[in-house]
Structures are given as structure tokens and as C-alpha cells.
Amino acid sequence: VLSELDQLVFGAQYDHSSSQEVKEKIRYLEDHVCPG
């Protein structure tokens, strides 16, 4: 659910310091965690 995406984003500051794996996970959830 959406809360997991929030924790990734606000915890990792992904646009500056996170690994590529975390960035890909964030991108996938961004596209799919709210399916409707």
C-alpha cells in the first residue's frame, strides 16, 4: 500500500543518495501502488 512508498521516499532521499535498486522499486510502486 501507499505507506510503503512514502517510507522509501522520505527515508532514502532517493533522488540524491539511494541505490539503483531502491530507485527502481520506488518507480515501480509509483506506477502501481494506487491501481484505481
PDB file of all heavy atoms in Angstrom:
ATOM      1  N   VAL A   1       0.840  -1.193   0.000  1.00  0.00           N
ATOM      2  CA  VAL A   1       0.000   0.000   0.000  1.00  0.00           C
ATOM      3  C   VAL A   1       0.881   1.251   0.000  1.00  0.00           C
ATOM      4  O   VAL A   1       2.105   1.168   0.122  1.00  0.00           O
ATOM      5  CB  VAL A   1      -0.948   0.016   1.217  1.00  0.00           C
ATOM      6  CG1 VAL A   1      -1.955  -1.127   1.116  1.00  0.00           C
ATOM      7  CG2 VAL A   1      -0.173  -0.065   2.523  1.00  0.00           C
ATOM      8  N   LEU A   2       0.245   2.396  -0.126  1.00  0.00           N
ATOM      9  CA  LEU A   2       0.954   3.654  -0.369  1.00  0.00           C
ATOM     10  C   LEU A   2       1.950   4.000   0.726  1.00  0.00           C
ATOM     11  O   LEU A   2       2.976   4.636   0.460  1.00  0.00           O
ATOM     12  CB  LEU A   2      -0.068   4.782  -0.527  1.00  0.00           C
ATOM     13  CG  LEU A   2       0.468   6.167  -0.926  1.00  0.00           C
ATOM     14  CD1 LEU A   2       1.163   6.113  -2.284  1.00  0.00           C
ATOM     15  CD2 LEU A   2      -0.663   7.188  -0.942  1.00  0.00           C
ATOM     16  N   SER A   3       1.691   3.597   1.950  1.00  0.00           N
ATOM     17  CA  SER A   3       2.582   3.964   3.055  1.00  0.00           C
ATOM     18  C   SER A   3       4.000   3.449   2.837  1.00  0.00           C
ATOM     19  O   SER A   3       4.967   4.090   3.249  1.00  0.00           O
ATOM     20  CB  SER A   3       2.035   3.440   4.384  1.00  0.00           C
ATOM     21  OG  SER A   3       1.858   2.036   4.346  1.00  0.00           O
ATOM     22  N   GLU A   4       4.141   2.303   2.176  1.00  0.00           N
ATOM     23  CA  GLU A   4       5.487   1.773   1.934  1.00  0.00           C
ATOM     24  C   GLU A   4       6.271   2.668   0.980  1.00  0.00           C
ATOM     25  O   GLU A   4       7.468   2.890   1.155  1.00  0.00           O
ATOM     26  CB  GLU A   4       5.414   0.352   1.389  1.00  0.00           C
ATOM     27  CG  GLU A   4       6.789  -0.281   1.201  1.00  0.00           C
ATOM     28  CD  GLU A   4       6.741  -1.791   1.052  1.00  0.00           C
ATOM     29  OE1 GLU A   4       5.767  -2.417   1.517  1.00  0.00           O
ATOM     30  OE2 GLU A   4       7.704  -2.345   0.485  1.00  0.00           O
ATOM     31  N   LEU A   5       5.580   3.213  -0.007  1.00  0.00           N
ATOM     32  CA  LEU A   5       6.232   4.149  -0.922  1.00  0.00           C
ATOM     33  C   LEU A   5       6.654   5.407  -0.173  1.00  0.00           C
ATOM     34  O   LEU A   5       7.770   5.921  -0.363  1.00  0.00           O
ATOM     35  CB  LEU A   5       5.286   4.508  -2.070  1.00  0.00           C
ATOM     36  CG  LEU A   5       5.786   5.579  -3.054  1.00  0.00           C
ATOM     37  CD1 LEU A   5       7.071   5.147  -3.735  1.00  0.00           C
ATOM     38  CD2 LEU A   5       4.710   5.876  -4.093  1.00  0.00           C
ATOM     39  N   ASP A   6       5.794   5.931   0.691  1.00  0.00           N
ATOM     40  CA  ASP A   6       6.131   7.121   1.474  1.00  0.00           C
ATOM     41  C   ASP A   6       7.390   6.893   2.305  1.00  0.00           C
ATOM     42  O   ASP A   6       8.276   7.755   2.369  1.00  0.00           O
ATOM     43  CB  ASP A   6       4.973   7.483   2.413  1.00  0.00           C
ATOM     44  CG  ASP A   6       3.764   8.018   1.677  1.00  0.00           C
ATOM     45  OD1 ASP A   6       3.925   8.462   0.525  1.00  0.00           O
ATOM     46  OD2 ASP A   6       2.662   7.981   2.253  1.00  0.00           O
ATOM     47  N   GLN A   7       7.486   5.728   2.932  1.00  0.00           N
ATOM     48  CA  GLN A   7       8.649   5.449   3.775  1.00  0.00           C
ATOM     49  C   GLN A   7       9.927   5.381   2.956  1.00  0.00           C
ATOM     50  O   GLN A   7      10.985   5.848   3.384  1.00  0.00           O
ATOM     51  CB  GLN A   7       8.414   4.154   4.549  1.00  0.00           C
ATOM     52  CG  GLN A   7       7.332   4.273   5.609  1.00  0.00           C
ATOM     53  CD  GLN A   7       6.760   2.946   6.038  1.00  0.00           C
ATOM     54  OE1 GLN A   7       7.295   1.886   5.685  1.00  0.00           O
ATOM     55  NE2 GLN A   7       5.677   2.965   6.788  1.00  0.00           N
ATOM     56  N   LEU A   8       9.835   4.804   1.768  1.00  0.00           N
ATOM     57  CA  LEU A   8      11.003   4.751   0.896  1.00  0.00           C
ATOM     58  C   LEU A   8      11.450   6.147   0.484  1.00  0.00           C
ATOM     59  O   LEU A   8      12.630   6.497   0.553  1.00  0.00           O
ATOM     60  CB  LEU A   8      10.691   3.934  -0.363  1.00  0.00           C
ATOM     61  CG  LEU A   8      10.690   2.413  -0.224  1.00  0.00           C
ATOM     62  CD1 LEU A   8      10.143   1.785  -1.489  1.00  0.00           C
ATOM     63  CD2 LEU A   8      12.090   1.903   0.066  1.00  0.00           C
ATOM     64  N   VAL A   9      10.494   6.962   0.084  1.00  0.00           N
ATOM     65  CA  VAL A   9      10.816   8.290  -0.426  1.00  0.00           C
ATOM     66  C   VAL A   9      11.386   9.178   0.677  1.00  0.00           C
ATOM     67  O   VAL A   9      12.460   9.768   0.527  1.00  0.00           O
ATOM     68  CB  VAL A   9       9.566   8.947  -1.045  1.00  0.00           C
ATOM     69  CG1 VAL A   9       9.840  10.409  -1.375  1.00  0.00           C
ATOM     70  CG2 VAL A   9       9.156   8.204  -2.304  1.00  0.00           C
ATOM     71  N   PHE A  10      10.683   9.279   1.799  1.00  0.00           N
ATOM     72  CA  PHE A  10      11.114  10.201   2.834  1.00  0.00           C
ATOM     73  C   PHE A  10      12.296   9.671   3.637  1.00  0.00           C
ATOM     74  O   PHE A  10      13.016  10.438   4.264  1.00  0.00           O
ATOM     75  CB  PHE A  10       9.953  10.531   3.766  1.00  0.00           C
ATOM     76  CG  PHE A  10       8.879  11.337   3.088  1.00  0.00           C
ATOM     77  CD1 PHE A  10       7.573  10.866   3.024  1.00  0.00           C
ATOM     78  CD2 PHE A  10       9.173  12.546   2.487  1.00  0.00           C
ATOM     79  CE1 PHE A  10       6.582  11.598   2.390  1.00  0.00           C
ATOM     80  CE2 PHE A  10       8.193  13.288   1.857  1.00  0.00           C
ATOM     81  CZ  PHE A  10       6.892  12.809   1.802  1.00  0.00           C
ATOM     82  N   GLY A  11      12.520   8.376   3.616  1.00  0.00           N
ATOM     83  CA  GLY A  11      13.656   7.823   4.336  1.00  0.00           C
ATOM     84  C   GLY A  11      14.930   7.830   3.524  1.00  0.00           C
ATOM     85  O   GLY A  11      16.003   8.088   4.037  1.00  0.00           O
ATOM     86  N   ALA A  12      14.813   7.602   2.225  1.00  0.00           N
ATOM     87  CA  ALA A  12      16.006   7.379   1.426  1.00  0.00           C
ATOM     88  C   ALA A  12      16.523   8.607   0.714  1.00  0.00           C
ATOM     89  O   ALA A  12      17.668   8.616   0.265  1.00  0.00           O
ATOM     90  CB  ALA A  12      15.725   6.293   0.391  1.00  0.00           C
ATOM     91  N   GLN A  13      15.699   9.661   0.603  1.00  0.00           N
ATOM     92  CA  GLN A  13      16.092  10.801  -0.234  1.00  0.00           C
ATOM     93  C   GLN A  13      16.636  10.270  -1.559  1.00  0.00           C
ATOM     94  O   GLN A  13      17.735  10.574  -2.005  1.00  0.00           O
ATOM     95  CB  GLN A  13      17.164  11.648   0.444  1.00  0.00           C
ATOM     96  CG  GLN A  13      16.627  12.544   1.550  1.00  0.00           C
ATOM     97  CD  GLN A  13      17.627  13.585   1.956  1.00  0.00           C
ATOM     98  OE1 GLN A  13      18.775  13.256   2.269  1.00  0.00           O
ATOM     99  NE2 GLN A  13      17.216  14.826   1.949  1.00  0.00           N
ATOM    100  N   TYR A  14      15.826   9.453  -2.224  1.00  0.00           N
ATOM    101  CA  TYR A  14      16.281   8.621  -3.329  1.00  0.00           C
ATOM    102  C   TYR A  14      16.871   9.395  -4.481  1.00  0.00           C
ATOM    103  O   TYR A  14      17.716   8.876  -5.223  1.00  0.00           O
ATOM    104  CB  TYR A  14      15.131   7.755  -3.826  1.00  0.00           C
ATOM    105  CG  TYR A  14      14.067   8.515  -4.571  1.00  0.00           C
ATOM    106  CD1 TYR A  14      14.069   8.572  -5.953  1.00  0.00           C
ATOM    107  CD2 TYR A  14      13.070   9.194  -3.877  1.00  0.00           C
ATOM    108  CE1 TYR A  14      13.090   9.284  -6.621  1.00  0.00           C
ATOM    109  CE2 TYR A  14      12.095   9.894  -4.533  1.00  0.00           C
ATOM    110  CZ  TYR A  14      12.110   9.938  -5.917  1.00  0.00           C
ATOM    111  OH  TYR A  14      11.159  10.639  -6.589  1.00  0.00           O
ATOM    112  N   ASP A  15      16.475  10.654  -4.656  1.00  0.00           N
ATOM    113  CA  ASP A  15      16.961  11.370  -5.834  1.00  0.00           C
ATOM    114  C   ASP A  15      18.418  11.791  -5.693  1.00  0.00           C
ATOM    115  O   ASP A  15      19.025  12.268  -6.643  1.00  0.00           O
ATOM    116  CB  ASP A  15      16.091  12.599  -6.090  1.00  0.00           C
ATOM    117  CG  ASP A  15      15.975  13.505  -4.888  1.00  0.00           C
ATOM    118  OD1 ASP A  15      16.096  13.013  -3.755  1.00  0.00           O
ATOM    119  OD2 ASP A  15      15.756  14.717  -5.075  1.00  0.00           O
ATOM    120  N   HIS A  16      19.006  11.648  -4.489  1.00  0.00           N
ATOM    121  CA  HIS A  16      20.394  12.043  -4.297  1.00  0.00           C
ATOM    122  C   HIS A  16      21.318  10.876  -3.933  1.00  0.00           C
ATOM    123  O   HIS A  16      22.439  10.802  -4.406  1.00  0.00           O
ATOM    124  CB  HIS A  16      20.488  13.100  -3.196  1.00  0.00           C
ATOM    125  CG  HIS A  16      19.758  14.362  -3.517  1.00  0.00           C
ATOM    126  ND1 HIS A  16      20.061  15.150  -4.594  1.00  0.00           N
ATOM    127  CD2 HIS A  16      18.717  14.965  -2.888  1.00  0.00           C
ATOM    128  CE1 HIS A  16      19.257  16.201  -4.626  1.00  0.00           C
ATOM    129  NE2 HIS A  16      18.421  16.108  -3.609  1.00  0.00           N
ATOM    130  N   SER A  17      20.812   9.978  -3.076  1.00  0.00           N
ATOM    131  CA  SER A  17      21.774   9.050  -2.475  1.00  0.00           C
ATOM    132  C   SER A  17      21.406   7.575  -2.538  1.00  0.00           C
ATOM    133  O   SER A  17      22.211   6.741  -2.163  1.00  0.00           O
ATOM    134  CB  SER A  17      21.977   9.441  -0.997  1.00  0.00           C
ATOM    135  OG  SER A  17      20.744   9.375  -0.317  1.00  0.00           O
ATOM    136  N   SER A  18      20.235   7.229  -2.989  1.00  0.00           N
ATOM    137  CA  SER A  18      19.822   5.837  -2.904  1.00  0.00           C
ATOM    138  C   SER A  18      20.402   4.983  -4.016  1.00  0.00           C
ATOM    139  O   SER A  18      20.807   5.474  -5.069  1.00  0.00           O
ATOM    140  CB  SER A  18      18.289   5.747  -2.938  1.00  0.00           C
ATOM    141  OG  SER A  18      17.749   6.317  -1.789  1.00  0.00           O
ATOM    142  N   SER A  19      20.395   3.691  -3.766  1.00  0.00           N
ATOM    143  CA  SER A  19      20.888   2.751  -4.760  1.00  0.00           C
ATOM    144  C   SER A  19      19.942   2.676  -5.935  1.00  0.00           C
ATOM    145  O   SER A  19      18.770   3.065  -5.859  1.00  0.00           O
ATOM    146  CB  SER A  19      21.018   1.361  -4.129  1.00  0.00           C
ATOM    147  OG  SER A  19      19.722   0.841  -3.820  1.00  0.00           O
ATOM    148  N   GLN A  20      20.430   2.126  -7.040  1.00  0.00           N
ATOM    149  CA  GLN A  20      19.596   1.973  -8.230  1.00  0.00           C
ATOM    150  C   GLN A  20      18.429   1.034  -7.948  1.00  0.00           C
ATOM    151  O   GLN A  20      17.318   1.246  -8.446  1.00  0.00           O
ATOM    152  CB  GLN A  20      20.449   1.423  -9.385  1.00  0.00           C
ATOM    153  CG  GLN A  20      19.718   1.329 -10.715  1.00  0.00           C
ATOM    154  CD  GLN A  20      19.266   2.687 -11.216  1.00  0.00           C
ATOM    155  OE1 GLN A  20      19.939   3.702 -10.992  1.00  0.00           O
ATOM    156  NE2 GLN A  20      18.122   2.726 -11.885  1.00  0.00           N
ATOM    157  N   GLU A  21      18.664   0.037  -7.113  1.00  0.00           N
ATOM    158  CA  GLU A  21      17.601  -0.908  -6.778  1.00  0.00           C
ATOM    159  C   GLU A  21      16.444  -0.199  -6.069  1.00  0.00           C
ATOM    160  O   GLU A  21      15.269  -0.444  -6.358  1.00  0.00           O
ATOM    161  CB  GLU A  21      18.161  -2.018  -5.890  1.00  0.00           C
ATOM    162  CG  GLU A  21      17.122  -3.066  -5.507  1.00  0.00           C
ATOM    163  CD  GLU A  21      17.697  -4.137  -4.598  1.00  0.00           C
ATOM    164  OE1 GLU A  21      18.928  -4.116  -4.345  1.00  0.00           O
ATOM    165  OE2 GLU A  21      16.921  -4.990  -4.119  1.00  0.00           O
ATOM    166  N   VAL A  22      16.778   0.685  -5.122  1.00  0.00           N
ATOM    167  CA  VAL A  22      15.746   1.423  -4.403  1.00  0.00           C
ATOM    168  C   VAL A  22      15.002   2.360  -5.353  1.00  0.00           C
ATOM    169  O   VAL A  22      13.771   2.478  -5.308  1.00  0.00           O
ATOM    170  CB  VAL A  22      16.348   2.210  -3.228  1.00  0.00           C
ATOM    171  CG1 VAL A  22      15.317   3.145  -2.611  1.00  0.00           C
ATOM    172  CG2 VAL A  22      16.887   1.250  -2.172  1.00  0.00           C
ATOM    173  N   LYS A  23      15.740   3.011  -6.237  1.00  0.00           N
ATOM    174  CA  LYS A  23      15.109   3.911  -7.201  1.00  0.00           C
ATOM    175  C   LYS A  23      14.132   3.158  -8.102  1.00  0.00           C
ATOM    176  O   LYS A  23      13.039   3.648  -8.392  1.00  0.00           O
ATOM    177  CB  LYS A  23      16.175   4.591  -8.058  1.00  0.00           C
ATOM    178  CG  LYS A  23      17.041   5.579  -7.308  1.00  0.00           C
ATOM    179  CD  LYS A  23      18.090   6.195  -8.226  1.00  0.00           C
ATOM    180  CE  LYS A  23      18.988   7.173  -7.476  1.00  0.00           C
ATOM    181  NZ  LYS A  23      20.018   7.767  -8.340  1.00  0.00           N
ATOM    182  N   GLU A  24      14.508   1.965  -8.514  1.00  0.00           N
ATOM    183  CA  GLU A  24      13.626   1.176  -9.382  1.00  0.00           C
ATOM    184  C   GLU A  24      12.390   0.716  -8.624  1.00  0.00           C
ATOM    185  O   GLU A  24      11.289   0.688  -9.175  1.00  0.00           O
ATOM    186  CB  GLU A  24      14.395  -0.027  -9.939  1.00  0.00           C
ATOM    187  CG  GLU A  24      15.452   0.360 -10.965  1.00  0.00           C
ATOM    188  CD  GLU A  24      16.276  -0.818 -11.429  1.00  0.00           C
ATOM    189  OE1 GLU A  24      16.036  -1.946 -10.921  1.00  0.00           O
ATOM    190  OE2 GLU A  24      17.167  -0.631 -12.282  1.00  0.00           O
ATOM    191  N   LYS A  25      12.577   0.370  -7.349  1.00  0.00           N
ATOM    192  CA  LYS A  25      11.441  -0.038  -6.535  1.00  0.00           C
ATOM    193  C   LYS A  25      10.462   1.118  -6.365  1.00  0.00           C
ATOM    194  O   LYS A  25       9.239   0.959  -6.485  1.00  0.00           O
ATOM    195  CB  LYS A  25      11.921  -0.540  -5.181  1.00  0.00           C
ATOM    196  CG  LYS A  25      10.797  -1.018  -4.265  1.00  0.00           C
ATOM    197  CD  LYS A  25      11.350  -1.611  -2.972  1.00  0.00           C
ATOM    198  CE  LYS A  25      10.224  -2.130  -2.072  1.00  0.00           C
ATOM    199  NZ  LYS A  25      10.755  -2.741  -0.830  1.00  0.00           N
ATOM    200  N   ILE A  26      11.009   2.300  -6.100  1.00  0.00           N
ATOM    201  CA  ILE A  26      10.166   3.481  -5.948  1.00  0.00           C
ATOM    202  C   ILE A  26       9.405   3.756  -7.235  1.00  0.00           C
ATOM    203  O   ILE A  26       8.204   4.043  -7.218  1.00  0.00           O
ATOM    204  CB  ILE A  26      11.009   4.699  -5.527  1.00  0.00           C
ATOM    205  CG1 ILE A  26      11.464   4.523  -4.074  1.00  0.00           C
ATOM    206  CG2 ILE A  26      10.236   6.001  -5.710  1.00  0.00           C
ATOM    207  CD1 ILE A  26      12.450   5.561  -3.603  1.00  0.00           C
ATOM    208  N   ARG A  27      10.092   3.641  -8.362  1.00  0.00           N
ATOM    209  CA  ARG A  27       9.434   3.908  -9.634  1.00  0.00           C
ATOM    210  C   ARG A  27       8.315   2.904  -9.903  1.00  0.00           C
ATOM    211  O   ARG A  27       7.231   3.276 -10.366  1.00  0.00           O
ATOM    212  CB  ARG A  27      10.464   3.840 -10.781  1.00  0.00           C
ATOM    213  CG  ARG A  27       9.883   4.111 -12.157  1.00  0.00           C
ATOM    214  CD  ARG A  27       9.360   5.517 -12.265  1.00  0.00           C
ATOM    215  NE  ARG A  27       8.707   5.742 -13.545  1.00  0.00           N
ATOM    216  CZ  ARG A  27       8.259   6.926 -13.962  1.00  0.00           C
ATOM    217  NH1 ARG A  27       8.415   7.981 -13.198  1.00  0.00           N
ATOM    218  NH2 ARG A  27       7.663   7.039 -15.127  1.00  0.00           N
ATOM    219  N   TYR A  28       8.564   1.636  -9.585  1.00  0.00           N
ATOM    220  CA  TYR A  28       7.529   0.619  -9.807  1.00  0.00           C
ATOM    221  C   TYR A  28       6.306   0.910  -8.932  1.00  0.00           C
ATOM    222  O   TYR A  28       5.163   0.870  -9.409  1.00  0.00           O
ATOM    223  CB  TYR A  28       8.063  -0.778  -9.494  1.00  0.00           C
ATOM    224  CG  TYR A  28       7.016  -1.853  -9.712  1.00  0.00           C
ATOM    225  CD1 TYR A  28       6.819  -2.411 -10.965  1.00  0.00           C
ATOM    226  CD2 TYR A  28       6.181  -2.259  -8.665  1.00  0.00           C
ATOM    227  CE1 TYR A  28       5.830  -3.373 -11.174  1.00  0.00           C
ATOM    228  CE2 TYR A  28       5.193  -3.214  -8.863  1.00  0.00           C
ATOM    229  CZ  TYR A  28       5.026  -3.758 -10.118  1.00  0.00           C
ATOM    230  OH  TYR A  28       4.030  -4.689 -10.337  1.00  0.00           O
ATOM    231  N   LEU A  29       6.547   1.200  -7.657  1.00  0.00           N
ATOM    232  CA  LEU A  29       5.428   1.473  -6.756  1.00  0.00           C
ATOM    233  C   LEU A  29       4.694   2.743  -7.168  1.00  0.00           C
ATOM    234  O   LEU A  29       3.465   2.817  -7.080  1.00  0.00           O
ATOM    235  CB  LEU A  29       5.924   1.574  -5.321  1.00  0.00           C
ATOM    236  CG  LEU A  29       6.422   0.271  -4.700  1.00  0.00           C
ATOM    237  CD1 LEU A  29       6.918   0.514  -3.274  1.00  0.00           C
ATOM    238  CD2 LEU A  29       5.334  -0.794  -4.706  1.00  0.00           C
ATOM    239  N   GLU A  30       5.438   3.729  -7.605  1.00  0.00           N
ATOM    240  CA  GLU A  30       4.811   4.956  -8.089  1.00  0.00           C
ATOM    241  C   GLU A  30       3.793   4.669  -9.192  1.00  0.00           C
ATOM    242  O   GLU A  30       2.712   5.268  -9.249  1.00  0.00           O
ATOM    243  CB  GLU A  30       5.891   5.914  -8.606  1.00  0.00           C
ATOM    244  CG  GLU A  30       5.362   7.207  -9.213  1.00  0.00           C
ATOM    245  CD  GLU A  30       6.481   8.038  -9.805  1.00  0.00           C
ATOM    246  OE1 GLU A  30       7.635   7.929  -9.327  1.00  0.00           O
ATOM    247  OE2 GLU A  30       6.218   8.783 -10.755  1.00  0.00           O
ATOM    248  N   ASP A  31       4.117   3.724 -10.051  1.00  0.00           N
ATOM    249  CA  ASP A  31       3.245   3.399 -11.186  1.00  0.00           C
ATOM    250  C   ASP A  31       2.126   2.434 -10.830  1.00  0.00           C
ATOM    251  O   ASP A  31       1.120   2.367 -11.544  1.00  0.00           O
ATOM    252  CB  ASP A  31       4.071   2.785 -12.325  1.00  0.00           C
ATOM    253  CG  ASP A  31       4.954   3.800 -13.024  1.00  0.00           C
ATOM    254  OD1 ASP A  31       4.699   5.010 -12.873  1.00  0.00           O
ATOM    255  OD2 ASP A  31       5.912   3.378 -13.702  1.00  0.00           O
ATOM    256  N   HIS A  32       2.276   1.664  -9.728  1.00  0.00           N
ATOM    257  CA  HIS A  32       1.339   0.571  -9.491  1.00  0.00           C
ATOM    258  C   HIS A  32       0.670   0.542  -8.116  1.00  0.00           C
ATOM    259  O   HIS A  32      -0.313  -0.184  -7.939  1.00  0.00           O
ATOM    260  CB  HIS A  32       2.056  -0.771  -9.697  1.00  0.00           C
ATOM    261  CG  HIS A  32       2.565  -0.983 -11.080  1.00  0.00           C
ATOM    262  ND1 HIS A  32       3.847  -0.627 -11.467  1.00  0.00           N
ATOM    263  CD2 HIS A  32       1.963  -1.498 -12.183  1.00  0.00           C
ATOM    264  CE1 HIS A  32       4.021  -0.936 -12.746  1.00  0.00           C
ATOM    265  NE2 HIS A  32       2.900  -1.456 -13.193  1.00  0.00           N
ATOM    266  N   VAL A  33       1.173   1.291  -7.129  1.00  0.00           N
ATOM    267  CA  VAL A  33       0.668   1.125  -5.769  1.00  0.00           C
ATOM    268  C   VAL A  33      -0.754   1.665  -5.604  1.00  0.00           C
ATOM    269  O   VAL A  33      -1.464   1.274  -4.682  1.00  0.00           O
ATOM    270  CB  VAL A  33       1.627   1.793  -4.757  1.00  0.00           C
ATOM    271  CG1 VAL A  33       1.471   3.315  -4.738  1.00  0.00           C
ATOM    272  CG2 VAL A  33       1.440   1.197  -3.362  1.00  0.00           C
ATOM    273  N   CYS A  34      -1.181   2.544  -6.490  1.00  0.00           N
ATOM    274  CA  CYS A  34      -2.568   3.025  -6.488  1.00  0.00           C
ATOM    275  C   CYS A  34      -3.235   2.562  -7.781  1.00  0.00           C
ATOM    276  O   CYS A  34      -3.304   3.310  -8.756  1.00  0.00           O
ATOM    277  CB  CYS A  34      -2.621   4.546  -6.376  1.00  0.00           C
ATOM    278  SG  CYS A  34      -2.042   5.183  -4.791  1.00  0.00           S
ATOM    279  N   PRO A  35      -3.731   1.334  -7.834  1.00  0.00           N
ATOM    280  CA  PRO A  35      -4.224   0.752  -9.087  1.00  0.00           C
ATOM    281  C   PRO A  35      -5.592   1.256  -9.526  1.00  0.00           C
ATOM    282  O   PRO A  35      -6.054   0.892 -10.611  1.00  0.00           O
ATOM    283  CB  PRO A  35      -4.279  -0.744  -8.780  1.00  0.00           C
ATOM    284  CG  PRO A  35      -4.468  -0.822  -7.313  1.00  0.00           C
ATOM    285  CD  PRO A  35      -3.735   0.344  -6.742  1.00  0.00           C
ATOM    286  N   GLY A  36      -6.228   2.066  -8.716  1.00  0.00           N
ATOM    287  CA  GLY A  36      -7.543   2.562  -9.095  1.00  0.00           C
ATOM    288  C   GLY A  36      -8.145   3.394  -7.994  1.00  0.00           C
ATOM    289  O   GLY A  36      -7.506   3.678  -6.975  1.00  0.00           O
TER     290      GLY A  36
END
